[in-house]
Amino acid sequence: MENNDNSLAETAIESIEALMGKHPGYRRAHAKGSYYEAIFTPNGQAAAYTTAAHLQQKAVKAVVRFSDSSPNPKMIDGLSPVKGMSVEFHLPAGEVTYLVGVTVPVFLTKTPEAFVEMLRLAAEKPGPRDLVKMLIKYPESKAAFRIIKNTKPFLSYSTSCYYPIHAFYFVNKEGKRQAVKYKWVPDETFSLEAKKEAAIHTMDYLEKELDEQLPVGFTLYVTLGEEGDPVDDSTASWPEERTTFAAGHLKIRQKIQQPNDQVIFDPTIVPRGIECSADPVLHARPNIYAASFKRRKMGL
């Protein structure tokens, strides 16, 4: 099974390169990004559901990377519709865990195989009929395409919501499991001034704008799943009426001028008190990230 997973990861990377070209030394997705020092302060509200160290009462250090989703490190900010916010939490005893969020709440496909097929089709410059056939074959993708299509021009890293998209399980001290999803909500929403700035600076304005706004903050919200809510399908949303609460606050304090860009933000690395769901897209990420890392480490 591992060989099949590795083969799929290599195919995924090759499909991305066929679509967007090769950019030696860079990540095969979210190539352009910037790093920041942060502190995450939990409020204890999640402690009834999980024993995870960073969700109790004690603040932990964190590293945050904001990024364009494009594999092209020279992509103009305004042309990349989806942005990313990846967080590395520094836990006691040297452990780390990650939350990898994007500005859309759902993924394109239920499986990594379907995602690779879509990449292949896109690289072949499909016609309208090809796209219709693809959506008929993968109807679950319509939600993500609709959201991306209706996405307004991106204004600011610091005033946008980010969704880790996958479901996870919290496990409390009694061993009870609870399905959850996350959402990062900014302290500030975008203003008229931000809209004006975005209209003027259509090139690489996002990093500069964020640096000028520091410090900025986000609240981590947790939504509790109920029986029947899909936990292994990142294309599906949960009902809006599900119980949601704030679990803590992330304060982003300053930019890291010389970051360790060898970090692999792997969302499957979770601490005791959190478990991964069976989402196949979630479980495909480690091998795809490893294949990307291998290439950029070799300067390929």
C-alpha atoms as a PDB file:
ATOM      1  CA  MET A   1       0.000   0.000   0.000  1.00  0.00           C
ATOM      2  CA  GLU A   2       2.869   2.354   0.827  1.00  0.00           C
ATOM      3  CA  ASN A   3       4.352   1.877  -2.666  1.00  0.00           C
ATOM      4  CA  ASN A   4       0.983   2.732  -4.209  1.00  0.00           C
ATOM      5  CA  ASP A   5       0.760   5.824  -2.011  1.00  0.00           C
ATOM      6  CA  ASN A   6       4.258   6.898  -3.052  1.00  0.00           C
ATOM      7  CA  SER A   7       3.439   6.299  -6.709  1.00  0.00           C
ATOM      8  CA  LEU A   8       0.298   8.422  -6.398  1.00  0.00           C
ATOM      9  CA  ALA A   9       2.297  11.183  -4.705  1.00  0.00           C
ATOM     10  CA  GLU A  10       4.862  11.210  -7.513  1.00  0.00           C
ATOM     11  CA  THR A  11       2.073  11.302 -10.094  1.00  0.00           C
ATOM     12  CA  ALA A  12       0.428  14.203  -8.266  1.00  0.00           C
ATOM     13  CA  ILE A  13       3.667  16.204  -8.261  1.00  0.00           C
ATOM     14  CA  GLU A  14       4.300  15.461 -11.932  1.00  0.00           C
ATOM     15  CA  SER A  15       0.755  16.551 -12.756  1.00  0.00           C
ATOM     16  CA  ILE A  16       1.242  19.839 -10.919  1.00  0.00           C
ATOM     17  CA  GLU A  17       4.483  20.439 -12.814  1.00  0.00           C
ATOM     18  CA  ALA A  18       2.783  19.656 -16.130  1.00  0.00           C
ATOM     19  CA  LEU A  19       0.099  22.214 -15.345  1.00  0.00           C
ATOM     20  CA  MET A  20       2.140  25.026 -13.767  1.00  0.00           C
ATOM     21  CA  GLY A  21       5.690  24.308 -14.892  1.00  0.00           C
ATOM     22  CA  LYS A  22       8.757  23.396 -12.829  1.00  0.00           C
ATOM     23  CA  HIS A  23      10.059  25.868 -10.253  1.00  0.00           C
ATOM     24  CA  PRO A  24      13.280  24.346  -8.850  1.00  0.00           C
ATOM     25  CA  GLY A  25      13.807  24.673  -5.122  1.00  0.00           C
ATOM     26  CA  TYR A  26      10.217  25.648  -4.317  1.00  0.00           C
ATOM     27  CA  ARG A  27       7.209  23.881  -2.845  1.00  0.00           C
ATOM     28  CA  ARG A  28       4.963  22.308  -5.493  1.00  0.00           C
ATOM     29  CA  ALA A  29       2.014  24.177  -3.984  1.00  0.00           C
ATOM     30  CA  HIS A  30       1.927  27.392  -1.941  1.00  0.00           C
ATOM     31  CA  ALA A  31       5.380  28.241  -3.261  1.00  0.00           C
ATOM     32  CA  LYS A  32       5.374  31.903  -2.255  1.00  0.00           C
ATOM     33  CA  GLY A  33       4.995  32.592   1.453  1.00  0.00           C
ATOM     34  CA  SER A  34       6.249  34.435   4.524  1.00  0.00           C
ATOM     35  CA  TYR A  35       6.812  33.314   8.132  1.00  0.00           C
ATOM     36  CA  TYR A  36       5.863  34.893  11.461  1.00  0.00           C
ATOM     37  CA  GLU A  37       6.399  34.298  15.174  1.00  0.00           C
ATOM     38  CA  ALA A  38       3.223  33.841  17.162  1.00  0.00           C
ATOM     39  CA  ILE A  39       1.753  32.846  20.512  1.00  0.00           C
ATOM     40  CA  PHE A  40      -1.341  30.666  20.822  1.00  0.00           C
ATOM     41  CA  THR A  41      -3.282  31.065  24.063  1.00  0.00           C
ATOM     42  CA  PRO A  42      -5.991  28.451  24.668  1.00  0.00           C
ATOM     43  CA  ASN A  43      -8.977  29.371  26.816  1.00  0.00           C
ATOM     44  CA  GLY A  44      -9.636  25.890  28.213  1.00  0.00           C
ATOM     45  CA  GLN A  45     -12.987  25.450  26.466  1.00  0.00           C
ATOM     46  CA  ALA A  46     -11.683  22.471  24.469  1.00  0.00           C
ATOM     47  CA  ALA A  47     -10.270  20.694  27.535  1.00  0.00           C
ATOM     48  CA  ALA A  48     -13.495  18.765  28.120  1.00  0.00           C
ATOM     49  CA  TYR A  49     -13.099  17.184  24.693  1.00  0.00           C
ATOM     50  CA  THR A  50      -9.340  16.689  24.286  1.00  0.00           C
ATOM     51  CA  THR A  51      -6.153  16.218  26.290  1.00  0.00           C
ATOM     52  CA  ALA A  52      -4.058  17.900  23.569  1.00  0.00           C
ATOM     53  CA  ALA A  53      -1.473  20.067  25.336  1.00  0.00           C
ATOM     54  CA  HIS A  54      -1.964  23.202  23.227  1.00  0.00           C
ATOM     55  CA  LEU A  55      -5.729  23.246  23.862  1.00  0.00           C
ATOM     56  CA  GLN A  56      -5.681  23.322  27.665  1.00  0.00           C
ATOM     57  CA  GLN A  57      -4.808  26.522  29.589  1.00  0.00           C
ATOM     58  CA  LYS A  58      -1.133  27.188  28.908  1.00  0.00           C
ATOM     59  CA  ALA A  59       0.065  29.358  26.022  1.00  0.00           C
ATOM     60  CA  VAL A  60       2.432  27.834  23.468  1.00  0.00           C
ATOM     61  CA  LYS A  61       4.744  29.321  20.862  1.00  0.00           C
ATOM     62  CA  ALA A  62       3.806  28.989  17.206  1.00  0.00           C
ATOM     63  CA  VAL A  63       5.141  29.675  13.720  1.00  0.00           C
ATOM     64  CA  VAL A  64       2.721  30.849  11.031  1.00  0.00           C
ATOM     65  CA  ARG A  65       3.218  30.771   7.268  1.00  0.00           C
ATOM     66  CA  PHE A  66       0.922  32.749   4.972  1.00  0.00           C
ATOM     67  CA  SER A  67       1.031  31.821   1.298  1.00  0.00           C
ATOM     68  CA  ASP A  68      -0.390  31.961  -2.198  1.00  0.00           C
ATOM     69  CA  SER A  69      -1.719  28.590  -3.295  1.00  0.00           C
ATOM     70  CA  SER A  70       0.042  28.685  -6.662  1.00  0.00           C
ATOM     71  CA  PRO A  71       3.108  26.492  -7.389  1.00  0.00           C
ATOM     72  CA  ASN A  72       4.577  29.529  -9.150  1.00  0.00           C
ATOM     73  CA  PRO A  73       6.688  31.556  -6.667  1.00  0.00           C
ATOM     74  CA  LYS A  74       6.381  34.609  -8.929  1.00  0.00           C
ATOM     75  CA  MET A  75       2.604  34.491  -9.206  1.00  0.00           C
ATOM     76  CA  ILE A  76       0.961  37.915  -8.892  1.00  0.00           C
ATOM     77  CA  ASP A  77      -0.999  38.002  -5.619  1.00  0.00           C
ATOM     78  CA  GLY A  78      -4.233  39.026  -7.286  1.00  0.00           C
ATOM     79  CA  LEU A  79      -4.166  36.065  -9.702  1.00  0.00           C
ATOM     80  CA  SER A  80      -4.058  33.341  -7.056  1.00  0.00           C
ATOM     81  CA  PRO A  81      -7.625  33.046  -5.700  1.00  0.00           C
ATOM     82  CA  VAL A  82      -6.916  30.720  -2.762  1.00  0.00           C
ATOM     83  CA  LYS A  83      -4.547  31.647   0.079  1.00  0.00           C
ATOM     84  CA  GLY A  84      -3.108  29.585   2.898  1.00  0.00           C
ATOM     85  CA  MET A  85      -2.365  29.915   6.598  1.00  0.00           C
ATOM     86  CA  SER A  86      -0.295  27.101   8.108  1.00  0.00           C
ATOM     87  CA  VAL A  87       0.386  26.991  11.842  1.00  0.00           C
ATOM     88  CA  GLU A  88       3.085  25.018  13.643  1.00  0.00           C
ATOM     89  CA  PHE A  89       2.333  24.723  17.359  1.00  0.00           C
ATOM     90  CA  HIS A  90       5.337  24.101  19.637  1.00  0.00           C
ATOM     91  CA  LEU A  91       4.205  21.693  22.345  1.00  0.00           C
ATOM     92  CA  PRO A  92       5.996  20.653  25.543  1.00  0.00           C
ATOM     93  CA  ALA A  93       8.844  18.109  25.300  1.00  0.00           C
ATOM     94  CA  GLY A  94       9.791  19.338  21.836  1.00  0.00           C
ATOM     95  CA  GLU A  95       6.688  18.025  20.063  1.00  0.00           C
ATOM     96  CA  VAL A  96       4.939  19.908  17.270  1.00  0.00           C
ATOM     97  CA  THR A  97       1.543  19.729  15.627  1.00  0.00           C
ATOM     98  CA  TYR A  98       0.097  21.530  12.634  1.00  0.00           C
ATOM     99  CA  LEU A  99      -3.083  23.113  11.325  1.00  0.00           C
ATOM    100  CA  VAL A 100      -3.093  23.790   7.594  1.00  0.00           C
ATOM    101  CA  GLY A 101      -5.848  26.159   6.509  1.00  0.00           C
ATOM    102  CA  VAL A 102      -6.991  27.735   3.251  1.00  0.00           C
ATOM    103  CA  THR A 103      -9.521  30.422   2.393  1.00  0.00           C
ATOM    104  CA  VAL A 104     -12.128  27.983   1.058  1.00  0.00           C
ATOM    105  CA  PRO A 105     -13.992  25.646   3.449  1.00  0.00           C
ATOM    106  CA  VAL A 106     -14.042  22.533   1.236  1.00  0.00           C
ATOM    107  CA  PHE A 107     -11.668  20.613  -1.039  1.00  0.00           C
ATOM    108  CA  LEU A 108     -12.158  19.868  -4.740  1.00  0.00           C
ATOM    109  CA  THR A 109     -12.381  16.075  -4.547  1.00  0.00           C
ATOM    110  CA  LYS A 110     -13.155  13.240  -2.154  1.00  0.00           C
ATOM    111  CA  THR A 111     -10.055  11.275  -3.088  1.00  0.00           C
ATOM    112  CA  PRO A 112      -6.469  12.077  -4.079  1.00  0.00           C
ATOM    113  CA  GLU A 113      -6.902   9.943  -7.210  1.00  0.00           C
ATOM    114  CA  ALA A 114      -9.722  12.198  -8.421  1.00  0.00           C
ATOM    115  CA  PHE A 115      -7.598  15.262  -7.674  1.00  0.00           C
ATOM    116  CA  VAL A 116      -4.739  13.903  -9.792  1.00  0.00           C
ATOM    117  CA  GLU A 117      -7.169  13.191 -12.624  1.00  0.00           C
ATOM    118  CA  MET A 118      -8.387  16.796 -12.480  1.00  0.00           C
ATOM    119  CA  LEU A 119      -4.816  18.075 -12.597  1.00  0.00           C
ATOM    120  CA  ARG A 120      -4.129  15.934 -15.647  1.00  0.00           C
ATOM    121  CA  LEU A 121      -7.234  17.217 -17.396  1.00  0.00           C
ATOM    122  CA  ALA A 122      -6.364  20.826 -16.600  1.00  0.00           C
ATOM    123  CA  ALA A 123      -2.860  20.353 -18.051  1.00  0.00           C
ATOM    124  CA  GLU A 124      -4.435  19.166 -21.304  1.00  0.00           C
ATOM    125  CA  LYS A 125      -6.389  22.457 -21.615  1.00  0.00           C
ATOM    126  CA  PRO A 126      -9.851  20.904 -21.636  1.00  0.00           C
ATOM    127  CA  GLY A 127     -12.829  22.229 -23.517  1.00  0.00           C
ATOM    128  CA  PRO A 128     -16.256  22.932 -21.988  1.00  0.00           C
ATOM    129  CA  ARG A 129     -17.487  19.413 -22.744  1.00  0.00           C
ATOM    130  CA  ASP A 130     -14.531  17.881 -20.907  1.00  0.00           C
ATOM    131  CA  LEU A 131     -15.265  20.002 -17.853  1.00  0.00           C
ATOM    132  CA  VAL A 132     -18.938  19.017 -17.904  1.00  0.00           C
ATOM    133  CA  LYS A 133     -17.966  15.342 -18.077  1.00  0.00           C
ATOM    134  CA  MET A 134     -15.606  15.793 -15.147  1.00  0.00           C
ATOM    135  CA  LEU A 135     -18.283  17.443 -12.996  1.00  0.00           C
ATOM    136  CA  ILE A 136     -20.735  14.689 -13.895  1.00  0.00           C
ATOM    137  CA  LYS A 137     -18.178  12.115 -12.811  1.00  0.00           C
ATOM    138  CA  TYR A 138     -17.265  14.035  -9.649  1.00  0.00           C
ATOM    139  CA  PRO A 139     -20.386  16.017  -8.644  1.00  0.00           C
ATOM    140  CA  GLU A 140     -18.964  16.646  -5.163  1.00  0.00           C
ATOM    141  CA  SER A 141     -16.498  19.075  -6.752  1.00  0.00           C
ATOM    142  CA  LYS A 142     -19.212  21.561  -7.698  1.00  0.00           C
ATOM    143  CA  ALA A 143     -19.250  23.171  -4.237  1.00  0.00           C
ATOM    144  CA  ALA A 144     -15.548  24.059  -4.282  1.00  0.00           C
ATOM    145  CA  PHE A 145     -15.651  25.290  -7.876  1.00  0.00           C
ATOM    146  CA  ARG A 146     -18.671  27.457  -7.083  1.00  0.00           C
ATOM    147  CA  ILE A 147     -16.954  28.992  -4.057  1.00  0.00           C
ATOM    148  CA  ILE A 148     -13.744  29.707  -5.971  1.00  0.00           C
ATOM    149  CA  LYS A 149     -15.669  31.147  -8.922  1.00  0.00           C
ATOM    150  CA  ASN A 150     -17.534  33.545  -6.633  1.00  0.00           C
ATOM    151  CA  THR A 151     -14.460  34.507  -4.622  1.00  0.00           C
ATOM    152  CA  LYS A 152     -13.936  38.261  -4.552  1.00  0.00           C
ATOM    153  CA  PRO A 153     -10.461  39.776  -5.001  1.00  0.00           C
ATOM    154  CA  PHE A 154      -8.299  38.819  -2.038  1.00  0.00           C
ATOM    155  CA  LEU A 155      -7.571  41.849   0.137  1.00  0.00           C
ATOM    156  CA  SER A 156      -5.493  40.854   3.139  1.00  0.00           C
ATOM    157  CA  TYR A 157      -3.917  37.861   4.850  1.00  0.00           C
ATOM    158  CA  SER A 158      -4.809  39.328   8.244  1.00  0.00           C
ATOM    159  CA  THR A 159      -8.535  39.893   7.643  1.00  0.00           C
ATOM    160  CA  SER A 160      -9.547  36.570   6.068  1.00  0.00           C
ATOM    161  CA  CYS A 161     -10.963  33.345   7.500  1.00  0.00           C
ATOM    162  CA  TYR A 162      -8.999  30.111   7.058  1.00  0.00           C
ATOM    163  CA  TYR A 163     -10.386  26.569   7.090  1.00  0.00           C
ATOM    164  CA  PRO A 164      -8.312  23.434   7.826  1.00  0.00           C
ATOM    165  CA  ILE A 165     -11.110  21.614   5.812  1.00  0.00           C
ATOM    166  CA  HIS A 166     -10.529  18.100   7.221  1.00  0.00           C
ATOM    167  CA  ALA A 167     -12.382  16.618  10.173  1.00  0.00           C
ATOM    168  CA  PHE A 168     -10.421  15.313  13.163  1.00  0.00           C
ATOM    169  CA  TYR A 169     -11.317  13.580  16.416  1.00  0.00           C
ATOM    170  CA  PHE A 170     -10.782  15.038  19.862  1.00  0.00           C
ATOM    171  CA  VAL A 171     -10.183  12.408  22.558  1.00  0.00           C
ATOM    172  CA  ASN A 172     -10.702  13.367  26.228  1.00  0.00           C
ATOM    173  CA  LYS A 173      -9.202  11.840  29.372  1.00  0.00           C
ATOM    174  CA  GLU A 174     -12.036   9.287  29.542  1.00  0.00           C
ATOM    175  CA  GLY A 175     -11.225   8.141  26.002  1.00  0.00           C
ATOM    176  CA  LYS A 176     -14.399   9.592  24.473  1.00  0.00           C
ATOM    177  CA  ARG A 177     -14.008  10.628  20.825  1.00  0.00           C
ATOM    178  CA  GLN A 178     -15.649  13.708  19.343  1.00  0.00           C
ATOM    179  CA  ALA A 179     -15.541  14.629  15.650  1.00  0.00           C
ATOM    180  CA  VAL A 180     -14.483  18.263  15.123  1.00  0.00           C
ATOM    181  CA  LYS A 181     -13.657  20.818  12.467  1.00  0.00           C
ATOM    182  CA  TYR A 182     -11.653  24.027  12.844  1.00  0.00           C
ATOM    183  CA  LYS A 183     -11.897  27.582  11.600  1.00  0.00           C
ATOM    184  CA  TRP A 184      -9.595  30.581  12.058  1.00  0.00           C
ATOM    185  CA  VAL A 185     -11.453  33.905  12.319  1.00  0.00           C
ATOM    186  CA  PRO A 186      -9.495  37.195  12.158  1.00  0.00           C
ATOM    187  CA  ASP A 187      -9.713  39.844  14.853  1.00  0.00           C
ATOM    188  CA  GLU A 188     -10.231  42.522  12.211  1.00  0.00           C
ATOM    189  CA  THR A 189     -12.307  42.468   9.043  1.00  0.00           C
ATOM    190  CA  PHE A 190     -11.215  44.230   5.887  1.00  0.00           C
ATOM    191  CA  SER A 191     -11.920  47.915   5.587  1.00  0.00           C
ATOM    192  CA  LEU A 192     -12.610  50.364   2.790  1.00  0.00           C
ATOM    193  CA  GLU A 193      -8.964  51.445   3.007  1.00  0.00           C
ATOM    194  CA  ALA A 194      -7.825  47.851   2.476  1.00  0.00           C
ATOM    195  CA  LYS A 195     -10.017  47.597  -0.607  1.00  0.00           C
ATOM    196  CA  LYS A 196      -8.487  50.765  -2.011  1.00  0.00           C
ATOM    197  CA  GLU A 197      -4.964  49.499  -1.350  1.00  0.00           C
ATOM    198  CA  ALA A 198      -5.701  46.164  -3.013  1.00  0.00           C
ATOM    199  CA  ALA A 199      -7.023  47.949  -6.091  1.00  0.00           C
ATOM    200  CA  ILE A 200      -3.833  50.013  -6.361  1.00  0.00           C
ATOM    201  CA  HIS A 201      -1.312  47.266  -5.574  1.00  0.00           C
ATOM    202  CA  THR A 202      -2.243  44.367  -7.834  1.00  0.00           C
ATOM    203  CA  MET A 203       1.217  42.790  -7.744  1.00  0.00           C
ATOM    204  CA  ASP A 204       2.911  41.550  -4.559  1.00  0.00           C
ATOM    205  CA  TYR A 205       1.113  43.578  -1.945  1.00  0.00           C
ATOM    206  CA  LEU A 206      -0.110  40.952   0.557  1.00  0.00           C
ATOM    207  CA  GLU A 207       3.117  40.357   2.483  1.00  0.00           C
ATOM    208  CA  LYS A 208       3.850  44.087   2.712  1.00  0.00           C
ATOM    209  CA  GLU A 209       0.310  44.822   3.872  1.00  0.00           C
ATOM    210  CA  LEU A 210       0.497  42.135   6.562  1.00  0.00           C
ATOM    211  CA  ASP A 211       3.871  43.367   7.828  1.00  0.00           C
ATOM    212  CA  GLU A 212       2.443  46.858   8.231  1.00  0.00           C
ATOM    213  CA  GLN A 213      -0.518  45.535  10.254  1.00  0.00           C
ATOM    214  CA  LEU A 214       1.472  43.538  12.846  1.00  0.00           C
ATOM    215  CA  PRO A 215       0.591  42.445  15.430  1.00  0.00           C
ATOM    216  CA  VAL A 216      -2.555  40.719  14.172  1.00  0.00           C
ATOM    217  CA  GLY A 217      -4.700  38.000  15.674  1.00  0.00           C
ATOM    218  CA  PHE A 218      -7.023  35.093  14.929  1.00  0.00           C
ATOM    219  CA  THR A 219      -9.446  33.128  17.089  1.00  0.00           C
ATOM    220  CA  LEU A 220      -9.545  29.361  16.658  1.00  0.00           C
ATOM    221  CA  TYR A 221     -13.112  28.069  16.555  1.00  0.00           C
ATOM    222  CA  VAL A 222     -14.030  24.411  16.964  1.00  0.00           C
ATOM    223  CA  THR A 223     -17.234  22.905  15.562  1.00  0.00           C
ATOM    224  CA  LEU A 224     -18.592  19.687  17.082  1.00  0.00           C
ATOM    225  CA  GLY A 225     -19.833  17.095  14.624  1.00  0.00           C
ATOM    226  CA  GLU A 226     -22.947  15.053  15.225  1.00  0.00           C
ATOM    227  CA  GLU A 227     -24.090  11.621  14.106  1.00  0.00           C
ATOM    228  CA  GLY A 228     -24.381  11.519  10.337  1.00  0.00           C
ATOM    229  CA  ASP A 229     -21.988  14.397   9.670  1.00  0.00           C
ATOM    230  CA  PRO A 230     -19.387  13.319   7.077  1.00  0.00           C
ATOM    231  CA  VAL A 231     -15.956  12.977   8.685  1.00  0.00           C
ATOM    232  CA  ASP A 232     -14.111  11.346   5.777  1.00  0.00           C
ATOM    233  CA  ASP A 233     -15.176  13.698   2.965  1.00  0.00           C
ATOM    234  CA  SER A 234     -13.420  17.068   2.714  1.00  0.00           C
ATOM    235  CA  THR A 235     -15.793  18.198  -0.051  1.00  0.00           C
ATOM    236  CA  ALA A 236     -18.764  18.205   2.336  1.00  0.00           C
ATOM    237  CA  SER A 237     -19.742  20.914   4.821  1.00  0.00           C
ATOM    238  CA  TRP A 238     -21.457  20.368   8.160  1.00  0.00           C
ATOM    239  CA  PRO A 239     -24.777  22.049   8.990  1.00  0.00           C
ATOM    240  CA  GLU A 240     -24.394  25.644  10.204  1.00  0.00           C
ATOM    241  CA  GLU A 241     -26.378  24.943  13.375  1.00  0.00           C
ATOM    242  CA  ARG A 242     -23.690  22.657  14.817  1.00  0.00           C
ATOM    243  CA  THR A 243     -22.263  23.704  18.191  1.00  0.00           C
ATOM    244  CA  THR A 244     -19.234  25.960  17.721  1.00  0.00           C
ATOM    245  CA  PHE A 245     -17.020  27.555  20.357  1.00  0.00           C
ATOM    246  CA  ALA A 246     -13.807  29.551  20.613  1.00  0.00           C
ATOM    247  CA  ALA A 247     -10.869  27.398  21.745  1.00  0.00           C
ATOM    248  CA  GLY A 248      -8.103  30.014  21.879  1.00  0.00           C
ATOM    249  CA  HIS A 249      -6.415  33.016  20.327  1.00  0.00           C
ATOM    250  CA  LEU A 250      -3.385  33.282  18.042  1.00  0.00           C
ATOM    251  CA  LYS A 251      -1.379  36.502  18.247  1.00  0.00           C
ATOM    252  CA  ILE A 252       1.026  36.967  15.354  1.00  0.00           C
ATOM    253  CA  ARG A 253       3.748  39.244  16.620  1.00  0.00           C
ATOM    254  CA  GLN A 254       6.628  39.659  14.182  1.00  0.00           C
ATOM    255  CA  LYS A 255       8.060  38.494  10.902  1.00  0.00           C
ATOM    256  CA  ILE A 256      10.789  35.855  10.787  1.00  0.00           C
ATOM    257  CA  GLN A 257      13.444  37.340   8.527  1.00  0.00           C
ATOM    258  CA  GLN A 258      15.416  34.126   7.989  1.00  0.00           C
ATOM    259  CA  PRO A 259      12.885  31.316   8.404  1.00  0.00           C
ATOM    260  CA  ASN A 260      13.481  27.596   8.317  1.00  0.00           C
ATOM    261  CA  ASP A 261      11.752  26.924   5.007  1.00  0.00           C
ATOM    262  CA  GLN A 262      12.415  23.185   5.342  1.00  0.00           C
ATOM    263  CA  VAL A 263       9.332  22.832   7.535  1.00  0.00           C
ATOM    264  CA  ILE A 264       6.729  20.386   6.213  1.00  0.00           C
ATOM    265  CA  PHE A 265       3.334  21.449   7.502  1.00  0.00           C
ATOM    266  CA  ASP A 266       1.870  17.954   7.816  1.00  0.00           C
ATOM    267  CA  PRO A 267      -1.666  18.026   9.301  1.00  0.00           C
ATOM    268  CA  THR A 268      -1.527  14.310  10.101  1.00  0.00           C
ATOM    269  CA  ILE A 269       1.088  14.962  12.801  1.00  0.00           C
ATOM    270  CA  VAL A 270      -1.232  15.251  15.782  1.00  0.00           C
ATOM    271  CA  PRO A 271      -0.548  15.020  19.531  1.00  0.00           C
ATOM    272  CA  ARG A 272      -2.115  12.741  22.093  1.00  0.00           C
ATOM    273  CA  GLY A 273      -5.719  13.820  22.484  1.00  0.00           C
ATOM    274  CA  ILE A 274      -6.301  14.295  18.743  1.00  0.00           C
ATOM    275  CA  GLU A 275      -6.771  11.651  16.040  1.00  0.00           C
ATOM    276  CA  CYS A 276      -6.998  11.926  12.265  1.00  0.00           C
ATOM    277  CA  SER A 277     -10.230  11.026  10.531  1.00  0.00           C
ATOM    278  CA  ALA A 278     -10.290   8.483   7.711  1.00  0.00           C
ATOM    279  CA  ASP A 279     -10.410  11.220   5.053  1.00  0.00           C
ATOM    280  CA  PRO A 280      -8.323   9.817   2.147  1.00  0.00           C
ATOM    281  CA  VAL A 281      -7.243  13.296   1.017  1.00  0.00           C
ATOM    282  CA  LEU A 282      -5.896  14.010   4.503  1.00  0.00           C
ATOM    283  CA  HIS A 283      -3.917  10.764   4.533  1.00  0.00           C
ATOM    284  CA  ALA A 284      -2.493  11.410   1.068  1.00  0.00           C
ATOM    285  CA  ARG A 285      -0.909  14.682   2.159  1.00  0.00           C
ATOM    286  CA  PRO A 286       2.222  13.305   3.924  1.00  0.00           C
ATOM    287  CA  ASN A 287       3.460  11.404   0.870  1.00  0.00           C
ATOM    288  CA  ILE A 288       2.687  14.277  -1.508  1.00  0.00           C
ATOM    289  CA  TYR A 289       4.453  16.735   0.798  1.00  0.00           C
ATOM    290  CA  ALA A 290       7.421  14.380   1.085  1.00  0.00           C
ATOM    291  CA  ALA A 291       7.678  14.082  -2.705  1.00  0.00           C
ATOM    292  CA  SER A 292       7.590  17.863  -3.014  1.00  0.00           C
ATOM    293  CA  PHE A 293      10.193  18.280  -0.265  1.00  0.00           C
ATOM    294  CA  LYS A 294      12.531  15.764  -1.902  1.00  0.00           C
ATOM    295  CA  ARG A 295      12.451  17.702  -5.160  1.00  0.00           C
ATOM    296  CA  ARG A 296      13.015  21.150  -3.676  1.00  0.00           C
ATOM    297  CA  LYS A 297      15.780  19.887  -1.370  1.00  0.00           C
ATOM    298  CA  MET A 298      17.587  18.565  -4.453  1.00  0.00           C
ATOM    299  CA  GLY A 299      17.013  21.840  -6.264  1.00  0.00           C
ATOM    300  CA  LEU A 300      14.698  20.195  -8.794  1.00  0.00           C
END
